[in-house]
């Protein structure tokens, strides 16, 4: 038995689920996912995988989670989880691609982010099929995708909680200006702009002469529709965000161009933590273009 912890926003949940699916494929073990963290921290819109997708993996039972994991409840629990972790509880302290996790024998509990296509590139087709959104797009979104001038490039601007985060930079207007130039070189005839701060985008982005539509109506529990619309675009400008990462990745077209920021997280250039040795070089697929943030 292997259990993979699922936590964070939708993009993080999708990475963790994708890793769990690859773990089952590689090991042949029974795989379960643990969504119990959302009881203490709902994070964005809470656990969304079962609402948005036809999940192929069952939820773990509480007794198995307790048996294999070290619960971080309270200050003492967080200390125990970090420094006196059960031998069956593997915490990803590197972030990058770690193929050795597939060789861990016996029952295990895995906690991490697993943000690398390398974990699941062998099952990419299966995952794209599983990550087909169950709920339909709204009529407004559907009509926009049908009428927008093609080729169209999605542009994602992440601000919100990033503004106060010590490790996450905001992609600058210069990043988006240069990315827009790259999109025009790829033939983009229009832009669809997605963000949690559309007022900022209207005032700060310089996307050049290419017409842009600012998609400002998918909010709250409907935020996933932004990701679904991104995946239906022809090219993609992503922020340093797992949300737009998946919006671009779900587009299976070999003709797509994707632009991503050079620096995904400040821990790439400022290593402040001796417990976690995070490295982010495996986040952006090699086929994507990288531009300074």
C-alpha atoms as a PDB file:
ATOM      1  CA  UNK A   1       0.000   0.000   0.000  1.00  0.00           C
ATOM      2  CA  UNK A   2       1.138   3.506  -0.863  1.00  0.00           C
ATOM      3  CA  UNK A   3      -0.647   6.683   0.255  1.00  0.00           C
ATOM      4  CA  UNK A   4       0.008  10.107  -1.269  1.00  0.00           C
ATOM      5  CA  UNK A   5      -0.955  13.245   0.634  1.00  0.00           C
ATOM      6  CA  UNK A   6      -3.018  15.767  -1.334  1.00  0.00           C
ATOM      7  CA  UNK A   7      -3.022  19.383  -0.159  1.00  0.00           C
ATOM      8  CA  UNK A   8      -2.914  22.951  -1.452  1.00  0.00           C
ATOM      9  CA  UNK A   9      -4.779  24.483  -4.379  1.00  0.00           C
ATOM     10  CA  UNK A  10      -6.027  22.760  -7.501  1.00  0.00           C
ATOM     11  CA  UNK A  11      -2.696  22.831  -9.360  1.00  0.00           C
ATOM     12  CA  UNK A  12      -0.858  21.271  -6.404  1.00  0.00           C
ATOM     13  CA  UNK A  13      -3.575  18.634  -6.029  1.00  0.00           C
ATOM     14  CA  UNK A  14      -3.179  17.679  -9.685  1.00  0.00           C
ATOM     15  CA  UNK A  15       0.593  17.249  -9.348  1.00  0.00           C
ATOM     16  CA  UNK A  16       0.145  15.064  -6.274  1.00  0.00           C
ATOM     17  CA  UNK A  17      -2.529  12.972  -7.958  1.00  0.00           C
ATOM     18  CA  UNK A  18      -0.370  12.600 -11.096  1.00  0.00           C
ATOM     19  CA  UNK A  19       2.527  11.406  -8.947  1.00  0.00           C
ATOM     20  CA  UNK A  20       0.236   8.917  -7.200  1.00  0.00           C
ATOM     21  CA  UNK A  21      -0.918   7.527 -10.549  1.00  0.00           C
ATOM     22  CA  UNK A  22       2.685   7.160 -11.719  1.00  0.00           C
ATOM     23  CA  UNK A  23       3.568   5.443  -8.444  1.00  0.00           C
ATOM     24  CA  UNK A  24       0.900   2.845  -9.045  1.00  0.00           C
ATOM     25  CA  UNK A  25       2.024   2.319 -12.625  1.00  0.00           C
ATOM     26  CA  UNK A  26       5.668   1.876 -11.594  1.00  0.00           C
ATOM     27  CA  UNK A  27       5.205  -0.305  -8.514  1.00  0.00           C
ATOM     28  CA  UNK A  28       1.982  -2.226  -9.065  1.00  0.00           C
ATOM     29  CA  UNK A  29       1.017  -1.442  -5.457  1.00  0.00           C
ATOM     30  CA  UNK A  30      -2.388  -0.347  -4.236  1.00  0.00           C
ATOM     31  CA  UNK A  31      -2.407   3.463  -4.277  1.00  0.00           C
ATOM     32  CA  UNK A  32      -4.594   5.726  -2.164  1.00  0.00           C
ATOM     33  CA  UNK A  33      -4.728   9.475  -1.714  1.00  0.00           C
ATOM     34  CA  UNK A  34      -5.101  11.247   1.617  1.00  0.00           C
ATOM     35  CA  UNK A  35      -7.213  14.415   1.516  1.00  0.00           C
ATOM     36  CA  UNK A  36      -7.627  14.732   5.280  1.00  0.00           C
ATOM     37  CA  UNK A  37      -5.438  17.876   5.394  1.00  0.00           C
ATOM     38  CA  UNK A  38      -8.355  19.875   4.022  1.00  0.00           C
ATOM     39  CA  UNK A  39     -10.201  19.356   7.288  1.00  0.00           C
ATOM     40  CA  UNK A  40      -7.665  21.629   9.002  1.00  0.00           C
ATOM     41  CA  UNK A  41      -6.755  23.884   6.060  1.00  0.00           C
ATOM     42  CA  UNK A  42      -9.333  24.247   3.245  1.00  0.00           C
ATOM     43  CA  UNK A  43      -6.785  26.115   1.029  1.00  0.00           C
ATOM     44  CA  UNK A  44      -8.371  28.066  -1.801  1.00  0.00           C
ATOM     45  CA  UNK A  45     -11.467  26.048  -2.803  1.00  0.00           C
ATOM     46  CA  UNK A  46     -10.667  22.954  -0.757  1.00  0.00           C
ATOM     47  CA  UNK A  47     -10.377  19.440  -2.179  1.00  0.00           C
ATOM     48  CA  UNK A  48     -11.502  19.702  -5.808  1.00  0.00           C
ATOM     49  CA  UNK A  49     -10.227  16.576  -7.552  1.00  0.00           C
ATOM     50  CA  UNK A  50     -13.312  14.481  -6.883  1.00  0.00           C
ATOM     51  CA  UNK A  51     -15.641  17.299  -7.975  1.00  0.00           C
ATOM     52  CA  UNK A  52     -13.848  18.197 -11.205  1.00  0.00           C
ATOM     53  CA  UNK A  53     -12.459  14.868 -12.433  1.00  0.00           C
ATOM     54  CA  UNK A  54     -13.310  11.184 -12.577  1.00  0.00           C
ATOM     55  CA  UNK A  55     -10.682  10.016 -10.096  1.00  0.00           C
ATOM     56  CA  UNK A  56      -9.211   6.552 -10.590  1.00  0.00           C
ATOM     57  CA  UNK A  57      -7.721   6.414  -7.081  1.00  0.00           C
ATOM     58  CA  UNK A  58      -9.656   5.891  -3.830  1.00  0.00           C
ATOM     59  CA  UNK A  59      -9.313   7.915  -0.648  1.00  0.00           C
ATOM     60  CA  UNK A  60      -7.216   6.361   2.106  1.00  0.00           C
ATOM     61  CA  UNK A  61      -8.864   5.252   5.318  1.00  0.00           C
ATOM     62  CA  UNK A  62      -8.004   7.236   8.449  1.00  0.00           C
ATOM     63  CA  UNK A  63      -6.538   4.208  10.229  1.00  0.00           C
ATOM     64  CA  UNK A  64      -4.001   3.661   7.431  1.00  0.00           C
ATOM     65  CA  UNK A  65      -3.068   7.352   7.344  1.00  0.00           C
ATOM     66  CA  UNK A  66      -2.515   7.289  11.121  1.00  0.00           C
ATOM     67  CA  UNK A  67      -0.485   4.091  10.881  1.00  0.00           C
ATOM     68  CA  UNK A  68       1.899   5.314   8.199  1.00  0.00           C
ATOM     69  CA  UNK A  69       2.159   9.083   8.688  1.00  0.00           C
ATOM     70  CA  UNK A  70       3.343  11.478  11.364  1.00  0.00           C
ATOM     71  CA  UNK A  71       0.516  13.946  11.927  1.00  0.00           C
ATOM     72  CA  UNK A  72       1.536  17.638  12.120  1.00  0.00           C
ATOM     73  CA  UNK A  73      -1.194  18.621  14.585  1.00  0.00           C
ATOM     74  CA  UNK A  74      -0.159  21.357  17.008  1.00  0.00           C
ATOM     75  CA  UNK A  75       3.349  22.675  17.628  1.00  0.00           C
ATOM     76  CA  UNK A  76       4.571  19.369  19.073  1.00  0.00           C
ATOM     77  CA  UNK A  77       3.070  17.418  16.166  1.00  0.00           C
ATOM     78  CA  UNK A  78       4.780  19.672  13.625  1.00  0.00           C
ATOM     79  CA  UNK A  79       8.098  19.226  15.454  1.00  0.00           C
ATOM     80  CA  UNK A  80       7.695  15.428  15.500  1.00  0.00           C
ATOM     81  CA  UNK A  81       6.732  15.344  11.817  1.00  0.00           C
ATOM     82  CA  UNK A  82       9.811  17.346  10.874  1.00  0.00           C
ATOM     83  CA  UNK A  83      12.488  15.757  13.066  1.00  0.00           C
ATOM     84  CA  UNK A  84      11.081  12.422  14.291  1.00  0.00           C
ATOM     85  CA  UNK A  85       9.195  11.267  11.210  1.00  0.00           C
ATOM     86  CA  UNK A  86       8.023   7.668  11.074  1.00  0.00           C
ATOM     87  CA  UNK A  87      10.166   5.489   8.829  1.00  0.00           C
ATOM     88  CA  UNK A  88       7.080   4.840   6.693  1.00  0.00           C
ATOM     89  CA  UNK A  89       6.493   8.572   6.106  1.00  0.00           C
ATOM     90  CA  UNK A  90       8.583  10.010   3.249  1.00  0.00           C
ATOM     91  CA  UNK A  91       8.738  13.805   3.062  1.00  0.00           C
ATOM     92  CA  UNK A  92       9.988  15.298  -0.190  1.00  0.00           C
ATOM     93  CA  UNK A  93      12.691  17.711   0.922  1.00  0.00           C
ATOM     94  CA  UNK A  94      14.169  18.336  -2.550  1.00  0.00           C
ATOM     95  CA  UNK A  95      11.179  19.190  -4.766  1.00  0.00           C
ATOM     96  CA  UNK A  96      12.979  18.070  -7.941  1.00  0.00           C
ATOM     97  CA  UNK A  97      12.743  14.750  -9.780  1.00  0.00           C
ATOM     98  CA  UNK A  98      13.643  11.813  -7.481  1.00  0.00           C
ATOM     99  CA  UNK A  99      13.285   8.461  -9.275  1.00  0.00           C
ATOM    100  CA  UNK A 100      14.431   6.598  -6.162  1.00  0.00           C
ATOM    101  CA  UNK A 101      10.980   7.029  -4.585  1.00  0.00           C
ATOM    102  CA  UNK A 102       9.691   4.271  -6.863  1.00  0.00           C
ATOM    103  CA  UNK A 103      12.059   1.771  -5.221  1.00  0.00           C
ATOM    104  CA  UNK A 104      10.873   2.238  -1.634  1.00  0.00           C
ATOM    105  CA  UNK A 105       9.524  -1.120  -0.408  1.00  0.00           C
ATOM    106  CA  UNK A 106       6.573  -1.845   1.822  1.00  0.00           C
ATOM    107  CA  UNK A 107       3.726   0.367   2.953  1.00  0.00           C
ATOM    108  CA  UNK A 108       4.570   4.059   2.613  1.00  0.00           C
ATOM    109  CA  UNK A 109       3.075   7.504   3.044  1.00  0.00           C
ATOM    110  CA  UNK A 110       4.364  10.172   0.626  1.00  0.00           C
ATOM    111  CA  UNK A 111       4.182  13.910   1.307  1.00  0.00           C
ATOM    112  CA  UNK A 112       5.414  16.477  -1.187  1.00  0.00           C
ATOM    113  CA  UNK A 113       4.627  18.531  -4.257  1.00  0.00           C
ATOM    114  CA  UNK A 114       6.108  16.351  -7.062  1.00  0.00           C
ATOM    115  CA  UNK A 115       6.094  19.235  -9.532  1.00  0.00           C
ATOM    116  CA  UNK A 116       7.868  17.684 -12.485  1.00  0.00           C
ATOM    117  CA  UNK A 117       6.520  16.192 -15.686  1.00  0.00           C
ATOM    118  CA  UNK A 118       9.250  13.573 -15.353  1.00  0.00           C
ATOM    119  CA  UNK A 119       7.160  11.758 -12.765  1.00  0.00           C
ATOM    120  CA  UNK A 120       4.284  11.118 -15.143  1.00  0.00           C
ATOM    121  CA  UNK A 121       5.442  11.655 -18.727  1.00  0.00           C
ATOM    122  CA  UNK A 122       5.035   7.914 -19.333  1.00  0.00           C
ATOM    123  CA  UNK A 123       1.308   8.111 -18.573  1.00  0.00           C
ATOM    124  CA  UNK A 124       0.654  11.556 -20.077  1.00  0.00           C
ATOM    125  CA  UNK A 125      -2.161  10.338 -22.318  1.00  0.00           C
ATOM    126  CA  UNK A 126      -3.953   8.605 -19.464  1.00  0.00           C
ATOM    127  CA  UNK A 127      -3.626  11.653 -17.233  1.00  0.00           C
ATOM    128  CA  UNK A 128      -4.965  14.066 -19.828  1.00  0.00           C
ATOM    129  CA  UNK A 129      -7.974  11.785 -20.197  1.00  0.00           C
ATOM    130  CA  UNK A 130      -8.486  11.649 -16.423  1.00  0.00           C
ATOM    131  CA  UNK A 131      -8.071  15.417 -16.134  1.00  0.00           C
ATOM    132  CA  UNK A 132     -10.970  16.068 -18.493  1.00  0.00           C
ATOM    133  CA  UNK A 133     -13.248  18.373 -16.539  1.00  0.00           C
ATOM    134  CA  UNK A 134     -16.564  16.756 -15.588  1.00  0.00           C
ATOM    135  CA  UNK A 135     -18.611  19.943 -15.159  1.00  0.00           C
ATOM    136  CA  UNK A 136     -19.313  21.845 -18.400  1.00  0.00           C
ATOM    137  CA  UNK A 137     -17.953  25.282 -19.187  1.00  0.00           C
ATOM    138  CA  UNK A 138     -20.398  28.109 -18.700  1.00  0.00           C
ATOM    139  CA  UNK A 139     -22.154  29.379 -21.811  1.00  0.00           C
ATOM    140  CA  UNK A 140     -20.219  32.641 -21.571  1.00  0.00           C
ATOM    141  CA  UNK A 141     -16.868  30.861 -21.541  1.00  0.00           C
ATOM    142  CA  UNK A 142     -17.874  28.502 -24.319  1.00  0.00           C
ATOM    143  CA  UNK A 143     -19.059  31.350 -26.547  1.00  0.00           C
ATOM    144  CA  UNK A 144     -15.815  33.246 -25.980  1.00  0.00           C
ATOM    145  CA  UNK A 145     -13.692  30.258 -26.999  1.00  0.00           C
ATOM    146  CA  UNK A 146     -15.820  29.778 -30.097  1.00  0.00           C
ATOM    147  CA  UNK A 147     -15.594  33.413 -31.173  1.00  0.00           C
ATOM    148  CA  UNK A 148     -12.066  34.462 -30.199  1.00  0.00           C
ATOM    149  CA  UNK A 149      -9.620  35.071 -33.011  1.00  0.00           C
ATOM    150  CA  UNK A 150      -7.210  32.154 -33.491  1.00  0.00           C
ATOM    151  CA  UNK A 151      -4.483  31.311 -32.774  1.00  0.00           C
ATOM    152  CA  UNK A 152      -5.146  32.555 -29.247  1.00  0.00           C
ATOM    153  CA  UNK A 153      -2.629  32.618 -26.391  1.00  0.00           C
ATOM    154  CA  UNK A 154      -3.584  32.316 -22.741  1.00  0.00           C
ATOM    155  CA  UNK A 155      -1.851  34.730 -20.354  1.00  0.00           C
ATOM    156  CA  UNK A 156      -1.900  34.020 -16.611  1.00  0.00           C
ATOM    157  CA  UNK A 157      -0.979  36.613 -13.977  1.00  0.00           C
ATOM    158  CA  UNK A 158      -0.774  35.353 -10.383  1.00  0.00           C
ATOM    159  CA  UNK A 159      -0.817  37.944  -7.620  1.00  0.00           C
ATOM    160  CA  UNK A 160      -3.112  37.568  -4.589  1.00  0.00           C
ATOM    161  CA  UNK A 161      -1.362  35.422  -1.979  1.00  0.00           C
ATOM    162  CA  UNK A 162       1.951  35.768  -3.843  1.00  0.00           C
ATOM    163  CA  UNK A 163       2.226  39.450  -2.885  1.00  0.00           C
ATOM    164  CA  UNK A 164       3.192  38.623   0.699  1.00  0.00           C
ATOM    165  CA  UNK A 165       4.982  35.310   0.059  1.00  0.00           C
ATOM    166  CA  UNK A 166       8.729  35.401   0.886  1.00  0.00           C
ATOM    167  CA  UNK A 167       9.719  32.893  -1.810  1.00  0.00           C
ATOM    168  CA  UNK A 168       7.404  33.705  -4.698  1.00  0.00           C
ATOM    169  CA  UNK A 169       8.085  36.630  -6.994  1.00  0.00           C
ATOM    170  CA  UNK A 170       5.402  38.272  -9.097  1.00  0.00           C
ATOM    171  CA  UNK A 171       6.082  38.069 -12.821  1.00  0.00           C
ATOM    172  CA  UNK A 172       6.755  41.641 -13.929  1.00  0.00           C
ATOM    173  CA  UNK A 173       5.113  43.635 -16.741  1.00  0.00           C
ATOM    174  CA  UNK A 174       8.406  43.297 -18.630  1.00  0.00           C
ATOM    175  CA  UNK A 175       8.089  39.507 -18.448  1.00  0.00           C
ATOM    176  CA  UNK A 176       4.628  39.692 -19.999  1.00  0.00           C
ATOM    177  CA  UNK A 177       5.731  42.211 -22.639  1.00  0.00           C
ATOM    178  CA  UNK A 178       8.527  39.908 -23.777  1.00  0.00           C
ATOM    179  CA  UNK A 179       6.247  36.877 -23.573  1.00  0.00           C
ATOM    180  CA  UNK A 180       3.669  38.656 -25.753  1.00  0.00           C
ATOM    181  CA  UNK A 181       6.369  39.279 -28.347  1.00  0.00           C
ATOM    182  CA  UNK A 182       7.195  35.565 -28.311  1.00  0.00           C
ATOM    183  CA  UNK A 183       3.506  34.720 -28.744  1.00  0.00           C
ATOM    184  CA  UNK A 184       3.190  37.052 -31.733  1.00  0.00           C
ATOM    185  CA  UNK A 185       6.244  35.399 -33.263  1.00  0.00           C
ATOM    186  CA  UNK A 186       4.357  32.108 -32.910  1.00  0.00           C
ATOM    187  CA  UNK A 187       1.424  33.625 -34.763  1.00  0.00           C
ATOM    188  CA  UNK A 188      -0.898  34.484 -31.873  1.00  0.00           C
ATOM    189  CA  UNK A 189      -3.721  36.704 -33.119  1.00  0.00           C
ATOM    190  CA  UNK A 190      -5.317  37.396 -29.716  1.00  0.00           C
ATOM    191  CA  UNK A 191      -4.837  36.964 -25.974  1.00  0.00           C
ATOM    192  CA  UNK A 192      -7.078  35.703 -23.202  1.00  0.00           C
ATOM    193  CA  UNK A 193      -5.864  37.114 -19.873  1.00  0.00           C
ATOM    194  CA  UNK A 194      -6.595  35.246 -16.627  1.00  0.00           C
ATOM    195  CA  UNK A 195      -5.733  36.531 -13.161  1.00  0.00           C
ATOM    196  CA  UNK A 196      -6.821  36.986  -9.564  1.00  0.00           C
ATOM    197  CA  UNK A 197      -6.181  40.727 -10.088  1.00  0.00           C
ATOM    198  CA  UNK A 198      -7.639  41.782 -13.436  1.00  0.00           C
ATOM    199  CA  UNK A 199      -7.671  45.477 -12.521  1.00  0.00           C
ATOM    200  CA  UNK A 200      -3.893  45.346 -12.163  1.00  0.00           C
ATOM    201  CA  UNK A 201      -3.599  43.514 -15.474  1.00  0.00           C
ATOM    202  CA  UNK A 202      -5.639  46.112 -17.364  1.00  0.00           C
ATOM    203  CA  UNK A 203      -3.444  48.907 -16.006  1.00  0.00           C
ATOM    204  CA  UNK A 204       0.007  47.293 -16.007  1.00  0.00           C
ATOM    205  CA  UNK A 205       0.275  44.815 -18.874  1.00  0.00           C
ATOM    206  CA  UNK A 206       1.700  45.942 -22.184  1.00  0.00           C
ATOM    207  CA  UNK A 207       0.646  43.254 -24.620  1.00  0.00           C
ATOM    208  CA  UNK A 208       1.237  45.353 -27.735  1.00  0.00           C
ATOM    209  CA  UNK A 209      -1.198  45.695 -30.616  1.00  0.00           C
ATOM    210  CA  UNK A 210      -2.647  42.190 -30.239  1.00  0.00           C
ATOM    211  CA  UNK A 211      -6.251  42.332 -28.944  1.00  0.00           C
ATOM    212  CA  UNK A 212      -6.757  40.975 -25.430  1.00  0.00           C
ATOM    213  CA  UNK A 213      -9.841  39.834 -23.542  1.00  0.00           C
ATOM    214  CA  UNK A 214      -9.651  39.987 -19.755  1.00  0.00           C
ATOM    215  CA  UNK A 215     -11.578  37.026 -18.349  1.00  0.00           C
ATOM    216  CA  UNK A 216     -12.825  38.412 -15.042  1.00  0.00           C
ATOM    217  CA  UNK A 217     -15.946  36.362 -14.281  1.00  0.00           C
ATOM    218  CA  UNK A 218     -14.717  32.912 -13.162  1.00  0.00           C
ATOM    219  CA  UNK A 219     -14.469  33.315  -9.408  1.00  0.00           C
ATOM    220  CA  UNK A 220     -14.636  31.207  -6.260  1.00  0.00           C
ATOM    221  CA  UNK A 221     -15.785  27.657  -6.921  1.00  0.00           C
ATOM    222  CA  UNK A 222     -15.793  28.404 -10.655  1.00  0.00           C
ATOM    223  CA  UNK A 223     -12.093  29.361 -10.786  1.00  0.00           C
ATOM    224  CA  UNK A 224     -11.315  25.990 -12.382  1.00  0.00           C
ATOM    225  CA  UNK A 225     -12.988  27.259 -15.549  1.00  0.00           C
ATOM    226  CA  UNK A 226      -9.985  29.560 -16.077  1.00  0.00           C
ATOM    227  CA  UNK A 227      -7.744  26.481 -16.222  1.00  0.00           C
ATOM    228  CA  UNK A 228     -10.125  24.700 -18.588  1.00  0.00           C
ATOM    229  CA  UNK A 229     -10.160  27.739 -20.888  1.00  0.00           C
ATOM    230  CA  UNK A 230      -6.369  28.014 -20.805  1.00  0.00           C
ATOM    231  CA  UNK A 231      -6.096  24.401 -21.913  1.00  0.00           C
ATOM    232  CA  UNK A 232      -8.323  25.198 -24.907  1.00  0.00           C
ATOM    233  CA  UNK A 233      -5.987  27.958 -26.132  1.00  0.00           C
ATOM    234  CA  UNK A 234      -3.295  27.456 -28.787  1.00  0.00           C
ATOM    235  CA  UNK A 235      -0.297  28.971 -26.950  1.00  0.00           C
ATOM    236  CA  UNK A 236       0.374  29.821 -23.326  1.00  0.00           C
ATOM    237  CA  UNK A 237       2.116  32.367 -21.111  1.00  0.00           C
ATOM    238  CA  UNK A 238       2.271  30.906 -17.613  1.00  0.00           C
ATOM    239  CA  UNK A 239       3.077  32.503 -14.291  1.00  0.00           C
ATOM    240  CA  UNK A 240       5.223  30.729 -11.697  1.00  0.00           C
ATOM    241  CA  UNK A 241       2.030  28.955 -10.689  1.00  0.00           C
ATOM    242  CA  UNK A 242       0.965  25.320 -10.799  1.00  0.00           C
ATOM    243  CA  UNK A 243      -2.488  26.518 -11.872  1.00  0.00           C
ATOM    244  CA  UNK A 244      -1.358  27.903 -15.230  1.00  0.00           C
ATOM    245  CA  UNK A 245       1.287  25.153 -15.525  1.00  0.00           C
ATOM    246  CA  UNK A 246      -1.588  22.678 -15.814  1.00  0.00           C
ATOM    247  CA  UNK A 247      -3.536  25.000 -18.080  1.00  0.00           C
ATOM    248  CA  UNK A 248      -0.647  24.804 -20.533  1.00  0.00           C
ATOM    249  CA  UNK A 249       0.198  21.126 -20.012  1.00  0.00           C
ATOM    250  CA  UNK A 250      -3.363  19.907 -20.556  1.00  0.00           C
ATOM    251  CA  UNK A 251      -3.139  21.313 -24.074  1.00  0.00           C
ATOM    252  CA  UNK A 252      -1.746  18.275 -25.921  1.00  0.00           C
ATOM    253  CA  UNK A 253      -1.042  20.055 -29.212  1.00  0.00           C
ATOM    254  CA  UNK A 254       2.541  19.518 -30.438  1.00  0.00           C
ATOM    255  CA  UNK A 255       2.309  22.942 -32.119  1.00  0.00           C
ATOM    256  CA  UNK A 256       1.794  24.934 -28.931  1.00  0.00           C
ATOM    257  CA  UNK A 257       4.361  27.421 -27.666  1.00  0.00           C
ATOM    258  CA  UNK A 258       4.633  27.858 -23.910  1.00  0.00           C
ATOM    259  CA  UNK A 259       6.526  30.648 -22.151  1.00  0.00           C
ATOM    260  CA  UNK A 260       7.427  30.288 -18.466  1.00  0.00           C
ATOM    261  CA  UNK A 261       9.508  32.403 -16.053  1.00  0.00           C
ATOM    262  CA  UNK A 262      13.191  31.607 -15.618  1.00  0.00           C
ATOM    263  CA  UNK A 263      12.936  31.733 -11.812  1.00  0.00           C
ATOM    264  CA  UNK A 264      10.067  29.649 -10.443  1.00  0.00           C
ATOM    265  CA  UNK A 265      10.796  30.220  -6.757  1.00  0.00           C
ATOM    266  CA  UNK A 266      13.327  32.400  -4.920  1.00  0.00           C
ATOM    267  CA  UNK A 267      14.718  29.298  -3.241  1.00  0.00           C
ATOM    268  CA  UNK A 268      16.422  28.654  -6.580  1.00  0.00           C
ATOM    269  CA  UNK A 269      18.714  31.611  -5.892  1.00  0.00           C
ATOM    270  CA  UNK A 270      18.447  32.019  -2.111  1.00  0.00           C
ATOM    271  CA  UNK A 271      18.821  28.822  -0.080  1.00  0.00           C
ATOM    272  CA  UNK A 272      17.608  29.868   3.389  1.00  0.00           C
ATOM    273  CA  UNK A 273      16.454  26.504   4.747  1.00  0.00           C
ATOM    274  CA  UNK A 274      18.701  23.722   5.992  1.00  0.00           C
ATOM    275  CA  UNK A 275      15.903  21.162   6.310  1.00  0.00           C
ATOM    276  CA  UNK A 276      14.448  21.521   2.822  1.00  0.00           C
ATOM    277  CA  UNK A 277      16.907  21.647  -0.087  1.00  0.00           C
ATOM    278  CA  UNK A 278      14.381  22.659  -2.703  1.00  0.00           C
ATOM    279  CA  UNK A 279      15.513  22.927  -6.305  1.00  0.00           C
ATOM    280  CA  UNK A 280      13.076  23.893  -9.038  1.00  0.00           C
ATOM    281  CA  UNK A 281      14.956  23.055 -12.216  1.00  0.00           C
ATOM    282  CA  UNK A 282      12.607  20.187 -13.076  1.00  0.00           C
ATOM    283  CA  UNK A 283       9.355  22.181 -12.887  1.00  0.00           C
ATOM    284  CA  UNK A 284       9.391  23.690 -16.380  1.00  0.00           C
ATOM    285  CA  UNK A 285       9.477  21.092 -19.203  1.00  0.00           C
ATOM    286  CA  UNK A 286      12.475  21.351 -21.500  1.00  0.00           C
ATOM    287  CA  UNK A 287      10.255  22.118 -24.513  1.00  0.00           C
ATOM    288  CA  UNK A 288       8.955  25.326 -22.923  1.00  0.00           C
ATOM    289  CA  UNK A 289      10.647  28.692 -23.477  1.00  0.00           C
ATOM    290  CA  UNK A 290      11.948  30.482 -20.393  1.00  0.00           C
ATOM    291  CA  UNK A 291      12.049  34.265 -20.002  1.00  0.00           C
ATOM    292  CA  UNK A 292      13.472  36.260 -17.036  1.00  0.00           C
ATOM    293  CA  UNK A 293      10.763  37.064 -14.550  1.00  0.00           C
END
